[in-house]
N, C-alpha and C. Protein backbone atom coordinates (compact mmCIF):
# COMPACT_ATOMS: atom_id res chain seq x y z
N MET A 1 87.45 80.84 -10.00
CA MET A 1 87.20 82.39 -8.71
C MET A 1 88.12 81.14 -7.89
N PRO A 2 88.73 82.86 -7.08
CA PRO A 2 89.75 81.97 -6.38
C PRO A 2 89.41 81.02 -4.75
N ASP A 3 90.08 80.08 -4.43
CA ASP A 3 89.65 79.36 -3.51
C ASP A 3 89.56 80.50 -1.92
N THR A 4 88.45 80.12 -1.33
CA THR A 4 88.23 80.89 0.02
C THR A 4 88.69 80.39 0.74
N LEU A 5 89.60 81.50 1.62
CA LEU A 5 90.20 81.48 2.54
C LEU A 5 90.12 81.04 3.98
N PRO A 6 90.52 79.78 4.18
CA PRO A 6 89.77 79.42 5.51
C PRO A 6 89.98 80.81 6.63
N PRO A 7 89.50 80.52 7.98
CA PRO A 7 89.69 81.58 9.41
C PRO A 7 90.54 81.36 9.96
N GLU A 8 90.83 82.36 10.56
CA GLU A 8 92.29 81.72 11.43
C GLU A 8 91.84 81.77 12.72
N PHE A 9 92.28 80.22 13.06
CA PHE A 9 91.60 79.96 14.21
C PHE A 9 92.84 80.22 15.22
N ASP A 10 92.79 81.42 16.06
CA ASP A 10 94.07 81.57 16.61
C ASP A 10 94.10 81.26 18.09
N LYS A 11 95.17 81.69 18.73
CA LYS A 11 95.35 81.06 20.40
C LYS A 11 94.74 81.25 21.05
N PRO A 12 93.51 82.50 20.81
CA PRO A 12 92.55 82.77 22.11
C PRO A 12 91.47 81.38 21.41
N PHE A 13 91.33 81.58 20.05
CA PHE A 13 89.81 80.50 19.70
C PHE A 13 90.61 79.25 20.06
N GLN A 14 91.58 79.19 19.96
CA GLN A 14 91.85 77.56 20.60
C GLN A 14 92.04 77.29 21.83
N ASP A 15 91.94 78.35 22.78
CA ASP A 15 91.73 78.02 24.33
C ASP A 15 90.42 77.64 24.76
N LYS A 16 89.68 78.75 24.16
CA LYS A 16 88.51 78.70 23.98
C LYS A 16 87.64 77.18 23.25
N LEU A 17 87.90 77.00 22.45
CA LEU A 17 87.52 75.94 22.21
C LEU A 17 88.35 74.38 23.43
N ASP A 18 89.25 74.28 23.70
CA ASP A 18 89.38 73.54 24.77
C ASP A 18 88.90 73.58 26.60
N SER A 19 88.63 75.22 26.05
CA SER A 19 87.65 75.40 27.34
C SER A 19 86.08 74.30 27.12
N LEU A 20 85.68 74.72 26.13
CA LEU A 20 84.34 74.16 25.74
C LEU A 20 84.65 72.65 25.89
N LEU A 21 85.91 72.06 25.44
CA LEU A 21 85.95 70.71 25.62
C LEU A 21 85.67 70.03 26.47
N ARG A 22 86.18 70.82 27.53
CA ARG A 22 86.35 70.32 29.10
C ARG A 22 84.84 70.44 30.07
N TRP A 23 84.30 71.27 29.71
CA TRP A 23 83.07 71.94 29.89
C TRP A 23 81.87 71.36 29.30
N ARG A 24 82.39 70.10 28.38
CA ARG A 24 81.20 69.84 28.04
C ARG A 24 80.90 68.63 28.72
N ARG A 25 79.88 68.58 29.36
CA ARG A 25 79.72 67.35 30.38
C ARG A 25 78.53 67.07 30.53
N ASP A 26 78.14 65.76 30.81
CA ASP A 26 76.94 65.08 30.81
C ASP A 26 76.03 65.55 31.82
N VAL A 27 74.62 66.12 31.71
CA VAL A 27 74.27 67.05 32.33
C VAL A 27 73.15 65.85 32.83
N ARG A 28 72.20 65.47 33.90
CA ARG A 28 71.83 64.72 34.73
C ARG A 28 70.38 65.81 35.80
N ARG A 29 70.94 66.53 35.73
CA ARG A 29 69.69 67.33 36.23
C ARG A 29 69.62 68.77 35.92
N PHE A 30 68.56 69.50 35.38
CA PHE A 30 67.74 70.48 34.80
C PHE A 30 67.14 71.21 35.63
N ARG A 31 67.09 72.48 34.86
CA ARG A 31 66.14 73.46 35.71
C ARG A 31 65.15 73.18 34.55
N PRO A 32 63.57 73.77 34.80
CA PRO A 32 62.28 73.21 34.43
C PRO A 32 62.07 74.46 33.57
N ASP A 33 63.16 75.40 33.47
CA ASP A 33 63.09 76.42 31.73
C ASP A 33 62.80 75.98 30.61
N PRO A 34 61.60 76.00 30.12
CA PRO A 34 61.93 76.01 28.62
C PRO A 34 63.28 76.44 27.68
N LEU A 35 63.19 75.68 26.53
CA LEU A 35 64.19 76.13 25.41
C LEU A 35 63.94 77.16 25.09
N PRO A 36 64.30 78.15 24.01
CA PRO A 36 63.51 78.83 23.37
C PRO A 36 63.37 78.38 21.82
N PRO A 37 62.12 79.12 21.33
CA PRO A 37 61.48 78.20 20.30
C PRO A 37 62.99 78.08 19.70
N GLY A 38 62.87 76.91 18.83
CA GLY A 38 64.08 76.82 17.35
C GLY A 38 65.07 76.32 17.89
N ALA A 39 65.11 76.35 19.18
CA ALA A 39 66.49 75.61 19.88
C ALA A 39 67.10 74.71 19.78
N VAL A 40 66.32 73.30 19.20
CA VAL A 40 66.65 72.20 19.09
C VAL A 40 66.86 72.44 17.83
N GLU A 41 66.01 72.81 17.01
CA GLU A 41 66.19 72.79 15.60
C GLU A 41 67.65 73.26 15.08
N ALA A 42 68.46 74.39 15.90
CA ALA A 42 69.26 75.15 15.70
C ALA A 42 70.77 73.69 15.88
N LEU A 43 70.41 73.10 16.92
CA LEU A 43 71.64 72.28 17.24
C LEU A 43 71.13 71.11 16.32
N VAL A 44 70.58 70.59 15.77
CA VAL A 44 70.26 70.01 14.89
C VAL A 44 71.41 70.00 13.67
N ALA A 45 70.65 71.34 12.94
CA ALA A 45 71.31 71.92 12.01
C ALA A 45 73.09 71.71 12.64
N ARG A 46 73.55 72.30 13.22
CA ARG A 46 74.71 72.15 13.85
C ARG A 46 75.25 70.75 13.23
N ALA A 47 74.50 69.84 14.21
CA ALA A 47 74.86 68.23 14.17
C ALA A 47 75.44 67.64 12.40
N CYS A 48 74.14 67.99 11.84
CA CYS A 48 74.71 67.55 10.48
C CYS A 48 75.67 68.56 10.14
N LEU A 49 76.64 68.89 10.30
CA LEU A 49 78.00 69.54 10.01
C LEU A 49 78.91 68.61 10.13
N ALA A 50 78.19 68.02 10.84
CA ALA A 50 79.64 66.52 11.46
C ALA A 50 80.20 66.06 9.81
N PRO A 51 81.39 64.78 10.00
CA PRO A 51 81.90 64.19 9.37
C PRO A 51 81.17 63.22 9.41
N SER A 52 81.31 62.44 7.60
CA SER A 52 79.99 60.90 7.78
C SER A 52 80.54 59.96 6.86
N VAL A 53 80.63 58.72 7.07
CA VAL A 53 81.14 58.15 6.13
C VAL A 53 80.40 58.11 4.51
N GLY A 54 81.14 58.34 3.33
CA GLY A 54 80.81 58.52 2.01
C GLY A 54 79.75 59.69 1.99
N ASN A 55 79.87 60.67 3.04
CA ASN A 55 79.01 61.99 3.28
C ASN A 55 77.49 60.92 3.22
N SER A 56 76.94 60.00 3.38
CA SER A 56 76.01 58.98 3.89
C SER A 56 74.94 59.96 4.67
N GLN A 57 75.34 60.78 5.55
CA GLN A 57 74.81 61.96 6.65
C GLN A 57 73.70 61.03 6.60
N PRO A 58 73.36 59.84 7.37
CA PRO A 58 72.65 58.40 8.46
C PRO A 58 71.92 59.11 9.84
N TRP A 59 72.51 60.12 10.04
CA TRP A 59 71.89 60.26 11.70
C TRP A 59 70.19 60.83 11.12
N ARG A 60 69.84 60.72 12.07
CA ARG A 60 68.10 60.67 12.09
C ARG A 60 67.39 61.21 13.44
N PHE A 61 67.12 62.29 13.34
CA PHE A 61 66.58 62.58 14.56
C PHE A 61 64.90 62.69 14.97
N VAL A 62 64.89 62.25 16.21
CA VAL A 62 63.24 62.33 16.38
C VAL A 62 62.84 63.42 17.90
N GLN A 63 62.15 64.22 17.90
CA GLN A 63 61.59 65.02 18.95
C GLN A 63 61.04 64.37 19.35
N VAL A 64 61.03 63.92 20.81
CA VAL A 64 60.17 63.21 22.00
C VAL A 64 59.13 64.18 22.56
N ASP A 65 58.30 64.97 22.60
CA ASP A 65 57.22 65.75 22.99
C ASP A 65 56.04 64.83 23.34
N ASP A 66 55.29 63.72 22.96
CA ASP A 66 54.56 63.38 22.86
C ASP A 66 54.58 62.78 24.90
N THR A 67 53.64 62.82 25.81
CA THR A 67 53.00 62.62 27.16
C THR A 67 53.75 61.05 27.06
N ALA A 68 52.74 60.33 26.40
CA ALA A 68 52.55 58.95 26.19
C ALA A 68 54.07 58.17 25.77
N ARG A 69 54.28 58.79 24.94
CA ARG A 69 55.90 58.09 24.43
C ARG A 69 56.85 58.36 25.63
N ARG A 70 56.79 59.73 26.58
CA ARG A 70 58.24 59.51 27.03
C ARG A 70 57.74 59.33 28.43
N LYS A 71 56.46 58.66 28.56
CA LYS A 71 55.85 57.53 30.02
C LYS A 71 56.70 56.17 29.85
N ALA A 72 56.55 56.05 28.04
CA ALA A 72 57.02 54.83 27.45
C ALA A 72 58.52 54.79 28.38
N VAL A 73 59.06 55.48 27.48
CA VAL A 73 60.97 55.82 27.77
C VAL A 73 61.27 56.26 28.81
N ARG A 74 59.91 56.36 29.93
CA ARG A 74 60.78 56.47 31.08
C ARG A 74 60.63 54.89 31.70
N ALA A 75 59.80 54.45 31.80
CA ALA A 75 58.98 52.87 31.92
C ALA A 75 60.50 52.40 31.62
N GLU A 76 60.37 52.11 30.12
CA GLU A 76 61.86 51.49 29.99
C GLU A 76 63.14 51.67 30.39
N PHE A 77 63.19 52.95 31.06
CA PHE A 77 64.56 53.38 31.98
C PHE A 77 64.71 52.05 33.11
N GLU A 78 63.90 52.25 33.37
CA GLU A 78 63.53 51.97 35.00
C GLU A 78 63.58 50.37 34.74
N ARG A 79 63.61 49.92 33.74
CA ARG A 79 63.14 48.31 33.74
C ARG A 79 64.90 47.88 33.13
N CYS A 80 65.20 48.43 32.74
CA CYS A 80 66.99 48.41 31.87
C CYS A 80 67.55 48.89 33.24
N ASN A 81 67.57 49.63 33.75
CA ASN A 81 68.07 50.69 34.81
C ASN A 81 68.17 49.17 36.27
N ALA A 82 66.89 48.63 36.21
CA ALA A 82 66.90 47.54 37.39
C ALA A 82 67.92 46.02 36.81
N GLU A 83 68.07 45.98 35.66
CA GLU A 83 67.89 45.06 35.39
C GLU A 83 70.19 45.41 35.61
N ALA A 84 70.06 46.77 35.54
CA ALA A 84 71.70 46.81 35.06
C ALA A 84 71.81 46.97 36.95
N LEU A 85 71.01 47.52 38.11
CA LEU A 85 71.64 47.20 39.50
C LEU A 85 72.02 45.80 39.39
N ALA A 86 70.52 45.23 39.32
CA ALA A 86 71.08 43.68 39.54
C ALA A 86 72.27 42.71 38.88
N ALA A 87 72.45 43.26 38.45
CA ALA A 87 73.94 42.53 37.39
C ALA A 87 75.38 43.48 37.87
N GLN A 88 75.32 44.13 39.06
CA GLN A 88 76.25 45.15 39.73
C GLN A 88 77.00 44.01 40.40
N ALA A 89 78.18 44.26 40.69
CA ALA A 89 78.87 43.54 42.09
C ALA A 89 78.20 43.51 43.30
N PRO A 90 77.86 42.54 44.30
CA PRO A 90 77.63 43.29 45.03
C PRO A 90 78.37 44.52 46.14
N ALA A 91 79.22 43.94 45.80
CA ALA A 91 80.15 45.32 46.50
C ALA A 91 79.91 46.91 46.16
N ASP A 92 78.99 47.17 44.59
CA ASP A 92 79.19 48.21 44.10
C ASP A 92 77.18 48.48 44.21
N ARG A 93 76.83 47.46 44.20
CA ARG A 93 75.58 47.96 44.19
C ARG A 93 74.69 49.39 44.70
N ALA A 94 75.27 49.53 46.03
CA ALA A 94 74.71 50.81 46.73
C ALA A 94 75.20 51.82 46.42
N ALA A 95 76.54 51.81 46.07
CA ALA A 95 77.29 52.99 44.98
C ALA A 95 76.85 52.87 43.69
N TYR A 96 76.05 52.37 42.86
CA TYR A 96 75.22 52.54 42.06
C TYR A 96 73.93 53.05 41.57
N ALA A 97 73.47 52.71 42.91
CA ALA A 97 71.50 53.20 42.65
C ALA A 97 72.02 54.01 43.78
N ARG A 98 72.75 55.02 44.20
CA ARG A 98 72.96 56.46 44.61
C ARG A 98 73.23 57.29 43.42
N LEU A 99 73.21 56.99 42.36
CA LEU A 99 73.86 57.56 40.73
C LEU A 99 72.50 58.07 40.05
N LYS A 100 73.03 59.37 40.26
CA LYS A 100 71.78 59.71 38.87
C LYS A 100 71.73 59.86 37.46
N LEU A 101 71.21 58.91 37.06
CA LEU A 101 71.69 58.54 35.67
C LEU A 101 70.84 58.47 34.50
N ALA A 102 69.90 59.40 34.75
CA ALA A 102 69.07 59.98 33.49
C ALA A 102 68.19 61.56 34.20
N GLY A 103 68.18 62.47 33.31
CA GLY A 103 67.02 63.76 33.75
C GLY A 103 65.84 63.67 33.12
N LEU A 104 65.51 62.29 32.82
CA LEU A 104 64.45 62.48 31.75
C LEU A 104 63.20 62.71 32.43
N ASP A 105 63.37 63.22 33.59
CA ASP A 105 61.83 64.42 33.99
C ASP A 105 61.69 65.15 34.20
N THR A 106 63.01 65.83 34.37
CA THR A 106 63.34 67.38 34.39
C THR A 106 63.53 67.72 33.08
N ALA A 107 64.34 67.34 31.74
CA ALA A 107 64.40 68.19 31.09
C ALA A 107 63.23 68.46 29.86
N PRO A 108 63.37 69.44 29.84
CA PRO A 108 62.23 70.33 28.75
C PRO A 108 62.05 69.53 27.21
N ARG A 109 62.85 68.96 26.57
CA ARG A 109 63.02 68.53 25.47
C ARG A 109 63.61 67.43 25.54
N HIS A 110 63.18 65.92 24.84
CA HIS A 110 63.99 65.07 24.77
C HIS A 110 64.16 64.61 23.20
N LEU A 111 65.43 64.36 22.26
CA LEU A 111 65.62 63.77 21.06
C LEU A 111 66.60 62.53 21.18
N ALA A 112 65.46 61.72 20.40
CA ALA A 112 66.68 60.36 20.26
C ALA A 112 66.82 60.74 18.90
N VAL A 113 68.48 60.10 18.78
CA VAL A 113 69.28 59.82 17.92
C VAL A 113 68.97 58.51 16.89
N PHE A 114 68.97 57.73 16.15
CA PHE A 114 68.70 57.00 15.19
C PHE A 114 70.16 56.87 13.80
N CYS A 115 70.51 55.66 13.26
CA CYS A 115 71.22 55.61 12.14
C CYS A 115 70.31 54.92 11.23
N ASP A 116 70.50 55.62 10.52
CA ASP A 116 69.58 54.78 8.71
C ASP A 116 70.17 53.79 8.55
N GLU A 117 70.12 52.78 8.89
CA GLU A 117 71.33 51.80 8.30
C GLU A 117 70.62 51.50 6.60
N ALA A 118 69.57 51.67 5.85
CA ALA A 118 69.24 51.72 4.57
C ALA A 118 69.83 52.82 3.72
N THR A 119 70.12 53.68 3.77
CA THR A 119 70.08 54.74 3.82
C THR A 119 71.14 54.65 2.14
N GLN A 120 70.62 55.04 1.11
CA GLN A 120 71.63 55.13 -0.07
C GLN A 120 72.40 56.15 -0.60
N SER A 121 72.14 57.07 0.57
CA SER A 121 73.33 58.28 0.25
C SER A 121 74.79 57.87 0.37
N GLY A 122 75.87 58.78 -0.38
CA GLY A 122 76.65 58.17 0.04
C GLY A 122 77.22 56.79 -1.28
N ARG A 123 76.00 56.07 -1.61
CA ARG A 123 76.25 54.62 -2.02
C ARG A 123 77.32 53.72 -1.95
N GLY A 124 77.33 53.65 -0.45
CA GLY A 124 78.31 52.37 0.50
C GLY A 124 79.27 52.62 0.18
N LEU A 125 80.16 54.19 -0.46
CA LEU A 125 81.40 54.41 0.24
C LEU A 125 81.93 54.38 1.67
N GLY A 126 83.12 53.52 1.25
CA GLY A 126 83.75 53.61 2.82
C GLY A 126 82.90 52.30 4.04
N ARG A 127 81.96 51.75 3.25
CA ARG A 127 81.06 50.69 3.91
C ARG A 127 81.44 49.44 3.98
N ASN A 128 82.07 49.20 2.96
CA ASN A 128 81.91 47.51 2.86
C ASN A 128 82.78 46.65 3.54
N THR A 129 84.04 47.29 4.15
CA THR A 129 84.46 46.39 5.50
C THR A 129 84.24 46.96 6.83
N MET A 130 83.70 48.39 6.73
CA MET A 130 83.14 48.78 7.92
C MET A 130 82.01 49.15 8.02
N PRO A 131 81.01 48.23 7.97
CA PRO A 131 79.13 48.90 7.78
C PRO A 131 79.33 49.90 9.18
N GLU A 132 79.93 49.08 10.22
CA GLU A 132 79.17 49.81 11.10
C GLU A 132 79.79 51.69 11.15
N ALA A 133 80.67 51.66 10.31
CA ALA A 133 80.75 53.60 10.14
C ALA A 133 79.41 54.05 9.80
N LEU A 134 78.32 53.70 9.58
CA LEU A 134 77.62 54.39 9.27
C LEU A 134 76.97 55.23 11.15
N ARG A 135 76.91 53.77 12.00
CA ARG A 135 76.91 54.71 13.38
C ARG A 135 77.74 55.37 13.97
N TYR A 136 79.07 54.90 13.53
CA TYR A 136 80.03 55.83 14.10
C TYR A 136 79.98 57.37 13.90
N SER A 137 79.36 57.44 12.53
CA SER A 137 78.94 59.08 11.78
C SER A 137 77.81 59.43 12.85
N ALA A 138 76.86 59.13 12.88
CA ALA A 138 76.05 59.33 13.87
C ALA A 138 75.98 59.14 15.21
N VAL A 139 77.47 59.25 15.60
CA VAL A 139 77.83 59.54 17.00
C VAL A 139 78.79 60.51 16.89
N GLY A 140 79.33 61.17 15.76
CA GLY A 140 79.96 62.23 15.52
C GLY A 140 79.03 63.23 15.45
N ALA A 141 77.62 63.19 15.39
CA ALA A 141 76.50 63.92 15.02
C ALA A 141 76.32 64.18 16.47
N VAL A 142 76.20 63.30 17.20
CA VAL A 142 75.56 63.48 18.93
C VAL A 142 76.93 64.94 18.96
N PHE A 143 78.31 64.01 18.77
CA PHE A 143 79.06 64.82 19.97
C PHE A 143 78.77 66.24 19.16
N ALA A 144 78.75 66.13 17.54
CA ALA A 144 78.54 68.23 17.29
C ALA A 144 77.59 69.21 18.26
N LEU A 145 76.23 68.09 18.31
CA LEU A 145 74.98 68.67 18.42
C LEU A 145 75.88 69.08 20.09
N TRP A 146 76.37 68.19 20.67
CA TRP A 146 76.53 68.08 22.27
C TRP A 146 77.57 69.58 22.44
N LEU A 147 78.72 69.62 21.77
CA LEU A 147 78.87 71.09 21.93
C LEU A 147 78.57 72.32 21.24
N ALA A 148 77.85 72.40 20.24
CA ALA A 148 76.88 73.33 19.95
C ALA A 148 75.95 73.62 21.01
N ALA A 149 75.28 72.97 21.78
CA ALA A 149 74.84 72.84 23.03
C ALA A 149 75.29 73.51 24.05
N ARG A 150 76.24 73.06 24.33
CA ARG A 150 76.99 74.08 25.44
C ARG A 150 77.44 75.39 25.46
N ALA A 151 78.43 75.51 23.94
CA ALA A 151 78.14 77.22 23.95
C ALA A 151 77.40 77.74 24.39
N ARG A 152 75.84 77.44 24.21
CA ARG A 152 74.70 77.80 24.09
C ARG A 152 73.91 77.84 25.50
N ASP A 153 75.21 77.22 26.12
CA ASP A 153 74.44 77.25 27.51
C ASP A 153 73.04 75.87 28.00
N ILE A 154 73.17 75.23 27.06
CA ILE A 154 72.25 74.00 27.24
C ILE A 154 72.84 72.82 27.62
N GLY A 155 72.01 72.27 28.71
CA GLY A 155 72.99 71.40 29.12
C GLY A 155 72.13 69.82 27.92
N VAL A 156 73.54 68.68 27.95
CA VAL A 156 73.03 67.72 27.14
C VAL A 156 73.34 65.89 28.36
N GLY A 157 72.24 65.24 27.83
CA GLY A 157 72.35 64.22 29.11
C GLY A 157 71.95 63.31 28.16
N TRP A 158 72.78 62.27 27.77
CA TRP A 158 72.70 60.74 26.63
C TRP A 158 72.58 59.47 27.80
N VAL A 159 71.46 59.17 28.13
CA VAL A 159 70.81 58.22 28.40
C VAL A 159 71.28 57.09 27.69
N SER A 160 71.68 56.30 28.03
CA SER A 160 72.43 55.08 27.11
C SER A 160 71.49 53.43 27.81
N ILE A 161 70.54 53.78 29.27
CA ILE A 161 70.62 52.86 29.28
C ILE A 161 69.07 52.47 29.78
N LEU A 162 68.66 51.98 27.80
CA LEU A 162 67.46 51.74 26.96
C LEU A 162 67.84 50.70 26.12
N GLU A 163 66.50 49.49 25.83
CA GLU A 163 67.25 48.89 25.05
C GLU A 163 66.66 49.21 23.41
N PRO A 164 67.96 49.46 22.58
CA PRO A 164 67.45 49.56 21.01
C PRO A 164 65.62 49.39 20.87
N LEU A 165 65.88 48.18 20.72
CA LEU A 165 64.84 47.79 19.96
C LEU A 165 63.41 47.80 20.35
N ARG A 166 63.46 47.88 21.77
CA ARG A 166 62.24 48.54 22.70
C ARG A 166 62.07 50.02 21.87
N MET A 167 63.10 50.61 22.31
CA MET A 167 62.97 52.24 21.86
C MET A 167 62.48 52.34 20.13
N THR A 168 63.12 51.70 19.46
CA THR A 168 62.35 51.77 17.99
C THR A 168 61.02 51.68 17.71
N ALA A 169 60.37 50.68 18.48
CA ALA A 169 58.86 50.17 18.69
C ALA A 169 58.07 51.63 19.49
N ILE A 170 58.80 52.08 21.13
CA ILE A 170 58.16 52.70 21.34
C ILE A 170 57.99 54.36 20.56
N LEU A 171 59.19 54.34 19.49
CA LEU A 171 59.67 55.90 19.35
C LEU A 171 58.63 55.34 17.59
N ASP A 172 58.35 54.52 16.88
CA ASP A 172 57.74 53.66 15.99
C ASP A 172 58.38 54.88 14.49
N VAL A 173 59.66 54.10 15.07
CA VAL A 173 60.42 54.45 13.53
C VAL A 173 60.79 53.00 12.78
N PRO A 174 60.48 54.04 11.21
CA PRO A 174 61.48 52.58 10.19
C PRO A 174 62.33 51.89 11.22
N GLN A 175 61.82 49.89 10.27
CA GLN A 175 62.78 49.25 11.27
C GLN A 175 64.10 49.18 10.94
N ASP A 176 64.88 49.92 9.71
CA ASP A 176 66.00 49.98 9.19
C ASP A 176 66.83 50.74 10.28
N TRP A 177 66.60 51.86 10.91
CA TRP A 177 66.90 52.49 11.74
C TRP A 177 67.28 51.97 12.75
N SER A 178 68.74 51.77 13.23
CA SER A 178 68.96 51.62 14.60
C SER A 178 69.12 52.70 15.57
N PHE A 179 69.21 52.51 16.91
CA PHE A 179 68.52 53.04 17.75
C PHE A 179 70.32 53.95 18.21
N VAL A 180 70.78 54.72 18.45
CA VAL A 180 72.00 55.10 18.82
C VAL A 180 72.34 56.16 20.10
N ALA A 181 71.28 57.17 20.70
CA ALA A 181 71.41 57.92 21.64
C ALA A 181 69.53 58.51 22.07
N TYR A 182 69.88 58.20 23.20
CA TYR A 182 68.71 59.95 23.82
C TYR A 182 69.26 60.84 24.47
N LEU A 183 68.89 61.73 24.27
CA LEU A 183 69.23 62.84 24.99
C LEU A 183 68.38 63.23 25.18
N CYS A 184 68.78 64.17 26.70
CA CYS A 184 67.79 65.36 27.46
C CYS A 184 68.66 66.50 26.81
N LEU A 185 67.42 67.65 26.77
CA LEU A 185 68.23 68.69 27.02
C LEU A 185 66.67 69.93 27.59
N GLY A 186 68.09 70.78 27.89
CA GLY A 186 67.67 71.66 28.77
C GLY A 186 68.75 72.86 29.74
N TYR A 187 68.55 73.27 30.30
CA TYR A 187 69.43 74.37 30.80
C TYR A 187 69.64 73.91 32.28
N PRO A 188 71.02 73.40 32.70
CA PRO A 188 71.49 72.62 33.94
C PRO A 188 71.21 73.19 35.23
N GLU A 189 70.91 72.50 35.94
CA GLU A 189 71.03 73.39 37.36
C GLU A 189 72.38 73.94 37.64
N ARG A 190 73.14 73.34 37.30
CA ARG A 190 74.48 73.71 37.75
C ARG A 190 75.35 73.40 36.85
N ALA A 191 76.54 74.27 36.57
CA ALA A 191 77.76 73.62 35.17
C ALA A 191 78.63 73.33 36.09
N ASP A 192 79.94 72.30 35.99
CA ASP A 192 80.59 71.92 36.16
C ASP A 192 81.41 71.08 35.35
N ASP A 193 82.94 71.42 35.15
CA ASP A 193 84.12 70.98 34.68
C ASP A 193 84.61 69.19 34.77
N VAL A 194 83.82 68.95 35.73
CA VAL A 194 83.98 67.55 35.71
C VAL A 194 83.20 66.16 35.56
N PRO A 195 83.11 65.85 35.80
CA PRO A 195 82.48 64.98 35.08
C PRO A 195 81.37 64.02 36.34
N GLU A 196 80.07 64.23 36.56
CA GLU A 196 79.50 63.80 37.82
C GLU A 196 79.75 62.10 38.29
N LEU A 197 79.77 61.94 37.62
CA LEU A 197 80.48 59.98 37.78
C LEU A 197 82.02 60.00 38.30
N GLU A 198 83.19 60.66 37.75
CA GLU A 198 83.90 61.67 38.97
C GLU A 198 83.84 62.11 39.98
N ARG A 199 82.77 62.92 40.07
CA ARG A 199 82.45 63.74 41.42
C ARG A 199 82.11 62.50 42.71
N SER A 200 81.11 62.18 41.93
CA SER A 200 80.51 60.65 42.57
C SER A 200 81.20 59.89 42.85
N GLY A 201 82.85 60.04 42.80
CA GLY A 201 83.68 58.33 43.30
C GLY A 201 83.58 57.24 42.43
N TRP A 202 82.61 56.95 41.30
CA TRP A 202 82.48 56.36 40.42
C TRP A 202 83.62 55.80 39.73
N GLN A 203 83.64 56.92 38.75
CA GLN A 203 85.30 56.75 37.87
C GLN A 203 86.14 57.98 37.93
N MET A 204 87.12 57.51 38.31
CA MET A 204 87.94 58.57 37.45
C MET A 204 88.89 59.07 36.17
N ARG A 205 88.78 60.74 35.78
CA ARG A 205 89.52 60.30 34.18
C ARG A 205 90.99 59.92 34.51
N ASP A 206 90.59 59.29 33.30
CA ASP A 206 92.20 58.52 33.20
C ASP A 206 93.15 59.51 32.11
N GLU A 207 94.64 59.75 32.61
CA GLU A 207 95.48 60.24 31.76
C GLU A 207 95.52 59.99 30.35
N ALA A 208 95.30 60.96 29.47
CA ALA A 208 95.15 60.59 28.03
C ALA A 208 96.16 59.92 27.52
N ALA A 209 97.77 60.03 28.27
CA ALA A 209 99.04 59.48 27.74
C ALA A 209 98.75 57.58 27.75
N ALA A 210 97.81 57.43 28.86
CA ALA A 210 97.84 56.00 28.74
C ALA A 210 96.98 55.27 27.92
N ARG A 211 96.21 56.49 27.29
CA ARG A 211 95.13 55.54 26.37
C ARG A 211 96.33 55.68 24.53
N ILE A 212 97.53 56.08 25.07
CA ILE A 212 98.34 56.04 23.38
C ILE A 212 99.11 54.68 23.28
N LEU A 213 99.16 54.17 21.96
CA LEU A 213 99.92 52.73 22.46
C LEU A 213 100.65 53.03 21.07
N GLU A 214 101.78 52.87 21.03
CA GLU A 214 103.17 53.19 20.13
C GLU A 214 103.44 51.60 19.59
N ARG A 215 103.63 52.27 17.54
CA ARG A 215 103.66 50.68 17.16
C ARG A 215 104.56 51.29 16.29
């Protein structure tokens, strides 16, 4: 059987991919419109195309629709955010307090992402010296989902101000699963190719060249 010919990713496609990467933003402000049926499942299917160490596919997705669990997540965010505010340098506290750091109240869908640390898939290949590669693989799946969402005009907000062990308990998942991400999904109030933290003046984007080290 002849090898399958790869598709041609021509210059127009490359330009669109560059545009998609620029417009993939962390969304905090959502419209209340519901996502169409099957939308989250379709995004998860794209996320599962991400690479993983040893083809272990350790990502696990939890759709959080239960009102009580959402309230518990909201309370956990408030607790962690209050601690983070108190830990800011005095000169930064007012600016931090003004930041919009979560879209938990308005995003129509919530999706938690975990890494199955006990998975036998891949039989440990590539993890002897770097077991954390399992979690890196789950992060790759998050990014794949994020790009697929933006291509469909769906916004994603990654809420990281949450304590992992508490999230494991709130969502009642196996103890061998480690918390990776809590994602808010929905249609954004506005689309922008500049990160909100950059627009607010909290942190500007560095030049890529400044992140390259030559040896």
